[in-house]
Amino acid sequence: MEETLRFEDIPGVEWVPSPRPFITIDASKCTGCGNCLRVCLAGVFRLREKKAEVASLERCMECASCLFVCESGAVDFGWPVGGTGYRSEWG
């Protein structure tokens, strides 16, 4: 049976954990601009010591917005393997 996660603050959505991280931040490239935090509706990122980091990968909605707004190229994003990640009741 698959393990799924649900969050009360995001109704109709569940996550099936991925066996490996599909978003990473290269701290040596991160400028701490916070663009990834601002664009992420699920609150996946946080700033720690003026660098972005993944705080809650299991909340990721797989929109890849973080990848596109990272001006320094610090975000490495690859969609999770089939059968894991974001699922919605609405399609």
PDB file of N, CA and C in Angstrom:
ATOM      1  N   MET A   1       0.832  -1.184   0.000  1.00  0.00           N
ATOM      2  CA  MET A   1       0.000   0.000   0.000  1.00  0.00           C
ATOM      3  C   MET A   1       0.882   1.255   0.000  1.00  0.00           C
ATOM      4  N   GLU A   2       0.519   2.254  -0.811  1.00  0.00           N
ATOM      5  CA  GLU A   2       1.270   3.492  -0.894  1.00  0.00           C
ATOM      6  C   GLU A   2       1.052   4.347   0.342  1.00  0.00           C
ATOM      7  N   GLU A   3       2.114   4.981   0.800  1.00  0.00           N
ATOM      8  CA  GLU A   3       2.010   5.965   1.859  1.00  0.00           C
ATOM      9  C   GLU A   3       1.649   7.289   1.197  1.00  0.00           C
ATOM     10  N   THR A   4       0.631   7.967   1.680  1.00  0.00           N
ATOM     11  CA  THR A   4       0.280   9.276   1.142  1.00  0.00           C
ATOM     12  C   THR A   4       0.239  10.283   2.285  1.00  0.00           C
ATOM     13  N   LEU A   5       0.452  11.536   1.944  1.00  0.00           N
ATOM     14  CA  LEU A   5       0.419  12.625   2.912  1.00  0.00           C
ATOM     15  C   LEU A   5      -0.628  13.620   2.473  1.00  0.00           C
ATOM     16  N   ARG A   6      -1.386  14.121   3.430  1.00  0.00           N
ATOM     17  CA  ARG A   6      -2.368  15.170   3.166  1.00  0.00           C
ATOM     18  C   ARG A   6      -2.121  16.308   4.146  1.00  0.00           C
ATOM     19  N   PHE A   7      -2.393  17.526   3.692  1.00  0.00           N
ATOM     20  CA  PHE A   7      -2.221  18.700   4.528  1.00  0.00           C
ATOM     21  C   PHE A   7      -3.544  19.446   4.592  1.00  0.00           C
ATOM     22  N   GLU A   8      -3.984  19.788   5.803  1.00  0.00           N
ATOM     23  CA  GLU A   8      -5.265  20.460   5.979  1.00  0.00           C
ATOM     24  C   GLU A   8      -5.331  21.803   5.251  1.00  0.00           C
ATOM     25  N   ASP A   9      -4.199  22.483   5.144  1.00  0.00           N
ATOM     26  CA  ASP A   9      -4.202  23.799   4.522  1.00  0.00           C
ATOM     27  C   ASP A   9      -4.220  23.741   2.988  1.00  0.00           C
ATOM     28  N   ILE A  10      -4.121  22.541   2.409  1.00  0.00           N
ATOM     29  CA  ILE A  10      -4.202  22.384   0.958  1.00  0.00           C
ATOM     30  C   ILE A  10      -5.188  21.247   0.661  1.00  0.00           C
ATOM     31  N   PRO A  11      -6.500  21.532   0.731  1.00  0.00           N
ATOM     32  CA  PRO A  11      -7.501  20.473   0.546  1.00  0.00           C
ATOM     33  C   PRO A  11      -7.522  19.919  -0.877  1.00  0.00           C
ATOM     34  N   GLY A  12      -7.837  18.644  -0.993  1.00  0.00           N
ATOM     35  CA  GLY A  12      -7.967  18.003  -2.296  1.00  0.00           C
ATOM     36  C   GLY A  12      -6.655  17.568  -2.904  1.00  0.00           C
ATOM     37  N   VAL A  13      -5.574  17.686  -2.147  1.00  0.00           N
ATOM     38  CA  VAL A  13      -4.254  17.344  -2.662  1.00  0.00           C
ATOM     39  C   VAL A  13      -3.614  16.328  -1.725  1.00  0.00           C
ATOM     40  N   GLU A  14      -2.924  15.370  -2.318  1.00  0.00           N
ATOM     41  CA  GLU A  14      -2.139  14.431  -1.527  1.00  0.00           C
ATOM     42  C   GLU A  14      -0.797  14.225  -2.207  1.00  0.00           C
ATOM     43  N   TRP A  15       0.178  13.753  -1.442  1.00  0.00           N
ATOM     44  CA  TRP A  15       1.510  13.501  -1.959  1.00  0.00           C
ATOM     45  C   TRP A  15       1.906  12.076  -1.645  1.00  0.00           C
ATOM     46  N   VAL A  16       2.501  11.430  -2.614  1.00  0.00           N
ATOM     47  CA  VAL A  16       3.108  10.117  -2.423  1.00  0.00           C
ATOM     48  C   VAL A  16       4.607  10.364  -2.419  1.00  0.00           C
ATOM     49  N   PRO A  17       5.273  10.124  -1.291  1.00  0.00           N
ATOM     50  CA  PRO A  17       6.701  10.459  -1.194  1.00  0.00           C
ATOM     51  C   PRO A  17       7.542   9.826  -2.295  1.00  0.00           C
ATOM     52  N   SER A  18       8.488  10.591  -2.772  1.00  0.00           N
ATOM     53  CA  SER A  18       9.425  10.140  -3.799  1.00  0.00           C
ATOM     54  C   SER A  18      10.586   9.425  -3.118  1.00  0.00           C
ATOM     55  N   PRO A  19      11.142   8.406  -3.742  1.00  0.00           N
ATOM     56  CA  PRO A  19      12.256   7.690  -3.124  1.00  0.00           C
ATOM     57  C   PRO A  19      13.559   8.497  -3.083  1.00  0.00           C
ATOM     58  N   ARG A  20      13.606   9.606  -3.816  1.00  0.00           N
ATOM     59  CA  ARG A  20      14.800  10.457  -3.785  1.00  0.00           C
ATOM     60  C   ARG A  20      14.379  11.910  -3.984  1.00  0.00           C
ATOM     61  N   PRO A  21      15.188  12.839  -3.488  1.00  0.00           N
ATOM     62  CA  PRO A  21      14.855  14.257  -3.674  1.00  0.00           C
ATOM     63  C   PRO A  21      14.811  14.628  -5.153  1.00  0.00           C
ATOM     64  N   PHE A  22      13.827  15.423  -5.542  1.00  0.00           N
ATOM     65  CA  PHE A  22      13.735  15.863  -6.930  1.00  0.00           C
ATOM     66  C   PHE A  22      13.932  17.372  -7.064  1.00  0.00           C
ATOM     67  N   ILE A  23      14.152  18.033  -5.934  1.00  0.00           N
ATOM     68  CA  ILE A  23      14.542  19.441  -5.936  1.00  0.00           C
ATOM     69  C   ILE A  23      15.739  19.565  -4.998  1.00  0.00           C
ATOM     70  N   THR A  24      16.789  20.191  -5.486  1.00  0.00           N
ATOM     71  CA  THR A  24      17.931  20.493  -4.632  1.00  0.00           C
ATOM     72  C   THR A  24      18.363  21.930  -4.900  1.00  0.00           C
ATOM     73  N   ILE A  25      19.022  22.515  -3.919  1.00  0.00           N
ATOM     74  CA  ILE A  25      19.545  23.874  -4.030  1.00  0.00           C
ATOM     75  C   ILE A  25      21.062  23.800  -3.905  1.00  0.00           C
ATOM     76  N   ASP A  26      21.751  24.383  -4.856  1.00  0.00           N
ATOM     77  CA  ASP A  26      23.204  24.476  -4.787  1.00  0.00           C
ATOM     78  C   ASP A  26      23.530  25.740  -3.986  1.00  0.00           C
ATOM     79  N   ALA A  27      23.910  25.567  -2.723  1.00  0.00           N
ATOM     80  CA  ALA A  27      24.164  26.700  -1.834  1.00  0.00           C
ATOM     81  C   ALA A  27      25.285  27.597  -2.345  1.00  0.00           C
ATOM     82  N   SER A  28      26.222  27.041  -3.106  1.00  0.00           N
ATOM     83  CA  SER A  28      27.312  27.862  -3.629  1.00  0.00           C
ATOM     84  C   SER A  28      26.832  28.832  -4.706  1.00  0.00           C
ATOM     85  N   LYS A  29      25.703  28.554  -5.327  1.00  0.00           N
ATOM     86  CA  LYS A  29      25.129  29.436  -6.350  1.00  0.00           C
ATOM     87  C   LYS A  29      24.021  30.335  -5.794  1.00  0.00           C
ATOM     88  N   CYS A  30      23.394  29.921  -4.704  1.00  0.00           N
ATOM     89  CA  CYS A  30      22.243  30.651  -4.158  1.00  0.00           C
ATOM     90  C   CYS A  30      22.671  32.020  -3.639  1.00  0.00           C
ATOM     91  N   THR A  31      21.949  33.059  -4.065  1.00  0.00           N
ATOM     92  CA  THR A  31      22.222  34.427  -3.623  1.00  0.00           C
ATOM     93  C   THR A  31      21.329  34.849  -2.461  1.00  0.00           C
ATOM     94  N   GLY A  32      20.356  34.006  -2.114  1.00  0.00           N
ATOM     95  CA  GLY A  32      19.440  34.340  -1.030  1.00  0.00           C
ATOM     96  C   GLY A  32      18.393  35.356  -1.423  1.00  0.00           C
ATOM     97  N   CYS A  33      18.126  35.499  -2.711  1.00  0.00           N
ATOM     98  CA  CYS A  33      17.168  36.503  -3.195  1.00  0.00           C
ATOM     99  C   CYS A  33      15.734  36.227  -2.721  1.00  0.00           C
ATOM    100  N   GLY A  34      15.400  34.967  -2.487  1.00  0.00           N
ATOM    101  CA  GLY A  34      14.060  34.614  -2.016  1.00  0.00           C
ATOM    102  C   GLY A  34      13.021  34.449  -3.096  1.00  0.00           C
ATOM    103  N   ASN A  35      13.409  34.498  -4.366  1.00  0.00           N
ATOM    104  CA  ASN A  35      12.430  34.326  -5.446  1.00  0.00           C
ATOM    105  C   ASN A  35      11.699  32.992  -5.328  1.00  0.00           C
ATOM    106  N   CYS A  36      12.400  31.936  -4.990  1.00  0.00           N
ATOM    107  CA  CYS A  36      11.766  30.618  -4.875  1.00  0.00           C
ATOM    108  C   CYS A  36      10.719  30.612  -3.763  1.00  0.00           C
ATOM    109  N   LEU A  37      10.990  31.294  -2.654  1.00  0.00           N
ATOM    110  CA  LEU A  37      10.031  31.375  -1.558  1.00  0.00           C
ATOM    111  C   LEU A  37       8.781  32.125  -1.983  1.00  0.00           C
ATOM    112  N   ARG A  38       8.971  33.213  -2.714  1.00  0.00           N
ATOM    113  CA  ARG A  38       7.833  34.045  -3.120  1.00  0.00           C
ATOM    114  C   ARG A  38       6.931  33.353  -4.132  1.00  0.00           C
ATOM    115  N   VAL A  39       7.502  32.568  -5.024  1.00  0.00           N
ATOM    116  CA  VAL A  39       6.712  31.957  -6.091  1.00  0.00           C
ATOM    117  C   VAL A  39       6.048  30.649  -5.654  1.00  0.00           C
ATOM    118  N   CYS A  40       6.559  30.006  -4.622  1.00  0.00           N
ATOM    119  CA  CYS A  40       6.065  28.686  -4.223  1.00  0.00           C
ATOM    120  C   CYS A  40       4.809  28.794  -3.365  1.00  0.00           C
ATOM    121  N   LEU A  41       3.680  28.373  -3.914  1.00  0.00           N
ATOM    122  CA  LEU A  41       2.405  28.432  -3.202  1.00  0.00           C
ATOM    123  C   LEU A  41       2.308  27.405  -2.075  1.00  0.00           C
ATOM    124  N   ALA A  42       3.131  26.377  -2.127  1.00  0.00           N
ATOM    125  CA  ALA A  42       3.055  25.299  -1.142  1.00  0.00           C
ATOM    126  C   ALA A  42       4.024  25.480   0.023  1.00  0.00           C
ATOM    127  N   GLY A  43       4.880  26.459  -0.015  1.00  0.00           N
ATOM    128  CA  GLY A  43       5.807  26.687   1.083  1.00  0.00           C
ATOM    129  C   GLY A  43       6.906  25.638   1.185  1.00  0.00           C
ATOM    130  N   VAL A  44       7.437  25.232   0.051  1.00  0.00           N
ATOM    131  CA  VAL A  44       8.468  24.203   0.017  1.00  0.00           C
ATOM    132  C   VAL A  44       9.810  24.726   0.544  1.00  0.00           C
ATOM    133  N   PHE A  45      10.080  26.017   0.376  1.00  0.00           N
ATOM    134  CA  PHE A  45      11.402  26.575   0.674  1.00  0.00           C
ATOM    135  C   PHE A  45      11.409  27.440   1.916  1.00  0.00           C
ATOM    136  N   ARG A  46      12.618  27.624   2.477  1.00  0.00           N
ATOM    137  CA  ARG A  46      12.854  28.576   3.558  1.00  0.00           C
ATOM    138  C   ARG A  46      14.263  29.130   3.379  1.00  0.00           C
ATOM    139  N   LEU A  47      14.520  30.261   4.014  1.00  0.00           N
ATOM    140  CA  LEU A  47      15.871  30.824   4.021  1.00  0.00           C
ATOM    141  C   LEU A  47      16.530  30.463   5.344  1.00  0.00           C
ATOM    142  N   ARG A  48      17.749  30.000   5.251  1.00  0.00           N
ATOM    143  CA  ARG A  48      18.548  29.710   6.437  1.00  0.00           C
ATOM    144  C   ARG A  48      19.945  30.233   6.154  1.00  0.00           C
ATOM    145  N   GLU A  49      20.429  31.098   7.041  1.00  0.00           N
ATOM    146  CA  GLU A  49      21.742  31.714   6.880  1.00  0.00           C
ATOM    147  C   GLU A  49      21.897  32.355   5.507  1.00  0.00           C
ATOM    148  N   LYS A  50      20.845  33.066   5.089  1.00  0.00           N
ATOM    149  CA  LYS A  50      20.812  33.822   3.832  1.00  0.00           C
ATOM    150  C   LYS A  50      20.932  32.958   2.580  1.00  0.00           C
ATOM    151  N   LYS A  51      20.532  31.695   2.693  1.00  0.00           N
ATOM    152  CA  LYS A  51      20.519  30.775   1.550  1.00  0.00           C
ATOM    153  C   LYS A  51      19.174  30.043   1.551  1.00  0.00           C
ATOM    154  N   ALA A  52      18.639  29.790   0.370  1.00  0.00           N
ATOM    155  CA  ALA A  52      17.403  29.013   0.261  1.00  0.00           C
ATOM    156  C   ALA A  52      17.707  27.542   0.497  1.00  0.00           C
ATOM    157  N   GLU A  53      16.735  26.851   1.078  1.00  0.00           N
ATOM    158  CA  GLU A  53      16.839  25.408   1.232  1.00  0.00           C
ATOM    159  C   GLU A  53      15.448  24.808   1.139  1.00  0.00           C
ATOM    160  N   VAL A  54      15.397  23.527   0.811  1.00  0.00           N
ATOM    161  CA  VAL A  54      14.128  22.812   0.741  1.00  0.00           C
ATOM    162  C   VAL A  54      13.718  22.480   2.167  1.00  0.00           C
ATOM    163  N   ALA A  55      12.561  22.988   2.571  1.00  0.00           N
ATOM    164  CA  ALA A  55      12.063  22.766   3.930  1.00  0.00           C
ATOM    165  C   ALA A  55      11.048  21.639   3.973  1.00  0.00           C
ATOM    166  N   SER A  56      10.287  21.478   2.895  1.00  0.00           N
ATOM    167  CA  SER A  56       9.191  20.514   2.899  1.00  0.00           C
ATOM    168  C   SER A  56       8.940  19.994   1.484  1.00  0.00           C
ATOM    169  N   LEU A  57       9.796  19.111   1.029  1.00  0.00           N
ATOM    170  CA  LEU A  57       9.689  18.564  -0.328  1.00  0.00           C
ATOM    171  C   LEU A  57       8.332  17.905  -0.576  1.00  0.00           C
ATOM    172  N   GLU A  58       7.776  17.281   0.451  1.00  0.00           N
ATOM    173  CA  GLU A  58       6.507  16.564   0.280  1.00  0.00           C
ATOM    174  C   GLU A  58       5.321  17.480   0.009  1.00  0.00           C
ATOM    175  N   ARG A  59       5.483  18.786   0.103  1.00  0.00           N
ATOM    176  CA  ARG A  59       4.401  19.717  -0.226  1.00  0.00           C
ATOM    177  C   ARG A  59       4.479  20.208  -1.678  1.00  0.00           C
ATOM    178  N   CYS A  60       5.529  19.847  -2.398  1.00  0.00           N
ATOM    179  CA  CYS A  60       5.759  20.352  -3.753  1.00  0.00           C
ATOM    180  C   CYS A  60       4.616  19.986  -4.698  1.00  0.00           C
ATOM    181  N   MET A  61       4.126  20.981  -5.438  1.00  0.00           N
ATOM    182  CA  MET A  61       3.063  20.775  -6.419  1.00  0.00           C
ATOM    183  C   MET A  61       3.608  20.572  -7.826  1.00  0.00           C
ATOM    184  N   GLU A  62       4.927  20.477  -7.940  1.00  0.00           N
ATOM    185  CA  GLU A  62       5.595  20.131  -9.202  1.00  0.00           C
ATOM    186  C   GLU A  62       5.326  21.113 -10.333  1.00  0.00           C
ATOM    187  N   CYS A  63       5.195  22.385  -9.995  1.00  0.00           N
ATOM    188  CA  CYS A  63       4.961  23.396 -11.028  1.00  0.00           C
ATOM    189  C   CYS A  63       6.263  23.858 -11.675  1.00  0.00           C
ATOM    190  N   ALA A  64       7.386  23.640 -11.003  1.00  0.00           N
ATOM    191  CA  ALA A  64       8.723  24.031 -11.469  1.00  0.00           C
ATOM    192  C   ALA A  64       8.925  25.540 -11.513  1.00  0.00           C
ATOM    193  N   SER A  65       8.049  26.304 -10.891  1.00  0.00           N
ATOM    194  CA  SER A  65       8.223  27.759 -10.867  1.00  0.00           C
ATOM    195  C   SER A  65       9.537  28.150 -10.221  1.00  0.00           C
ATOM    196  N   CYS A  66       9.943  27.414  -9.200  1.00  0.00           N
ATOM    197  CA  CYS A  66      11.203  27.717  -8.515  1.00  0.00           C
ATOM    198  C   CYS A  66      12.379  27.661  -9.481  1.00  0.00           C
ATOM    199  N   LEU A  67      12.351  26.715 -10.372  1.00  0.00           N
ATOM    200  CA  LEU A  67      13.412  26.569 -11.367  1.00  0.00           C
ATOM    201  C   LEU A  67      13.478  27.792 -12.277  1.00  0.00           C
ATOM    202  N   PHE A  68      12.323  28.269 -12.705  1.00  0.00           N
ATOM    203  CA  PHE A  68      12.266  29.359 -13.669  1.00  0.00           C
ATOM    204  C   PHE A  68      12.563  30.727 -13.069  1.00  0.00           C
ATOM    205  N   VAL A  69      12.311  30.909 -11.757  1.00  0.00           N
ATOM    206  CA  VAL A  69      12.552  32.226 -11.152  1.00  0.00           C
ATOM    207  C   VAL A  69      13.924  32.341 -10.503  1.00  0.00           C
ATOM    208  N   CYS A  70      14.665  31.253 -10.443  1.00  0.00           N
ATOM    209  CA  CYS A  70      15.992  31.287  -9.824  1.00  0.00           C
ATOM    210  C   CYS A  70      16.995  31.875 -10.817  1.00  0.00           C
ATOM    211  N   GLU A  71      17.330  33.143 -10.603  1.00  0.00           N
ATOM    212  CA  GLU A  71      18.215  33.856 -11.526  1.00  0.00           C
ATOM    213  C   GLU A  71      19.653  33.359 -11.465  1.00  0.00           C
ATOM    214  N   SER A  72      20.045  32.745 -10.348  1.00  0.00           N
ATOM    215  CA  SER A  72      21.432  32.298 -10.197  1.00  0.00           C
ATOM    216  C   SER A  72      21.640  30.850 -10.632  1.00  0.00           C
ATOM    217  N   GLY A  73      20.561  30.155 -10.985  1.00  0.00           N
ATOM    218  CA  GLY A  73      20.672  28.762 -11.402  1.00  0.00           C
ATOM    219  C   GLY A  73      20.958  27.797 -10.266  1.00  0.00           C
ATOM    220  N   ALA A  74      20.588  28.182  -9.047  1.00  0.00           N
ATOM    221  CA  ALA A  74      20.866  27.345  -7.873  1.00  0.00           C
ATOM    222  C   ALA A  74      19.878  26.192  -7.713  1.00  0.00           C
ATOM    223  N   VAL A  75      18.693  26.303  -8.317  1.00  0.00           N
ATOM    224  CA  VAL A  75      17.671  25.268  -8.165  1.00  0.00           C
ATOM    225  C   VAL A  75      17.852  24.192  -9.229  1.00  0.00           C
ATOM    226  N   ASP A  76      17.929  22.965  -8.766  1.00  0.00           N
ATOM    227  CA  ASP A  76      17.945  21.810  -9.670  1.00  0.00           C
ATOM    228  C   ASP A  76      16.620  21.088  -9.461  1.00  0.00           C
ATOM    229  N   PHE A  77      15.798  21.051 -10.491  1.00  0.00           N
ATOM    230  CA  PHE A  77      14.452  20.481 -10.393  1.00  0.00           C
ATOM    231  C   PHE A  77      14.273  19.393 -11.438  1.00  0.00           C
ATOM    232  N   GLY A  78      13.772  18.248 -11.012  1.00  0.00           N
ATOM    233  CA  GLY A  78      13.402  17.172 -11.917  1.00  0.00           C
ATOM    234  C   GLY A  78      12.143  16.521 -11.375  1.00  0.00           C
ATOM    235  N   TRP A  79      11.166  16.305 -12.184  1.00  0.00           N
ATOM    236  CA  TRP A  79       9.913  15.758 -11.692  1.00  0.00           C
ATOM    237  C   TRP A  79      10.157  14.397 -11.039  1.00  0.00           C
ATOM    238  N   PRO A  80       9.386  14.073  -9.989  1.00  0.00           N
ATOM    239  CA  PRO A  80       9.580  12.792  -9.311  1.00  0.00           C
ATOM    240  C   PRO A  80       9.270  11.614 -10.228  1.00  0.00           C
ATOM    241  N   VAL A  81       9.804  10.464  -9.849  1.00  0.00           N
ATOM    242  CA  VAL A  81       9.572   9.257 -10.646  1.00  0.00           C
ATOM    243  C   VAL A  81       8.087   8.934 -10.659  1.00  0.00           C
ATOM    244  N   GLY A  82       7.623   8.234 -11.696  1.00  0.00           N
ATOM    245  CA  GLY A  82       6.208   7.913 -11.869  1.00  0.00           C
ATOM    246  C   GLY A  82       5.578   7.273 -10.642  1.00  0.00           C
ATOM    247  N   GLY A  83       4.363   7.729 -10.338  1.00  0.00           N
ATOM    248  CA  GLY A  83       3.627   7.157  -9.213  1.00  0.00           C
ATOM    249  C   GLY A  83       3.897   7.833  -7.885  1.00  0.00           C
ATOM    250  N   THR A  84       4.817   8.803  -7.857  1.00  0.00           N
ATOM    251  CA  THR A  84       5.062   9.545  -6.625  1.00  0.00           C
ATOM    252  C   THR A  84       4.814  11.013  -6.888  1.00  0.00           C
ATOM    253  N   GLY A  85       4.812  11.793  -5.822  1.00  0.00           N
ATOM    254  CA  GLY A  85       4.640  13.231  -5.959  1.00  0.00           C
ATOM    255  C   GLY A  85       3.200  13.675  -5.837  1.00  0.00           C
ATOM    256  N   TYR A  86       2.913  14.815  -6.421  1.00  0.00           N
ATOM    257  CA  TYR A  86       1.646  15.528  -6.298  1.00  0.00           C
ATOM    258  C   TYR A  86       0.492  14.809  -6.978  1.00  0.00           C
ATOM    259  N   ARG A  87      -0.631  14.739  -6.247  1.00  0.00           N
ATOM    260  CA  ARG A  87      -1.881  14.220  -6.829  1.00  0.00           C
ATOM    261  C   ARG A  87      -3.024  15.138  -6.391  1.00  0.00           C
ATOM    262  N   SER A  88      -3.940  15.402  -7.299  1.00  0.00           N
ATOM    263  CA  SER A  88      -5.054  16.288  -7.006  1.00  0.00           C
ATOM    264  C   SER A  88      -6.371  15.589  -7.313  1.00  0.00           C
ATOM    265  N   GLU A  89      -7.385  15.912  -6.532  1.00  0.00           N
ATOM    266  CA  GLU A  89      -8.725  15.387  -6.785  1.00  0.00           C
ATOM    267  C   GLU A  89      -9.350  16.022  -8.019  1.00  0.00           C
ATOM    268  N   TRP A  90      -8.746  17.082  -8.531  1.00  0.00           N
ATOM    269  CA  TRP A  90      -9.348  17.845  -9.624  1.00  0.00           C
ATOM    270  C   TRP A  90      -8.618  17.683 -10.948  1.00  0.00           C
ATOM    271  N   GLY A  91      -7.958  16.583 -11.142  1.00  0.00           N
ATOM    272  CA  GLY A  91      -7.360  16.373 -12.446  1.00  0.00           C
ATOM    273  C   GLY A  91      -5.940  16.276 -12.463  1.00  0.00           C
TER     274      GLY A  91
END
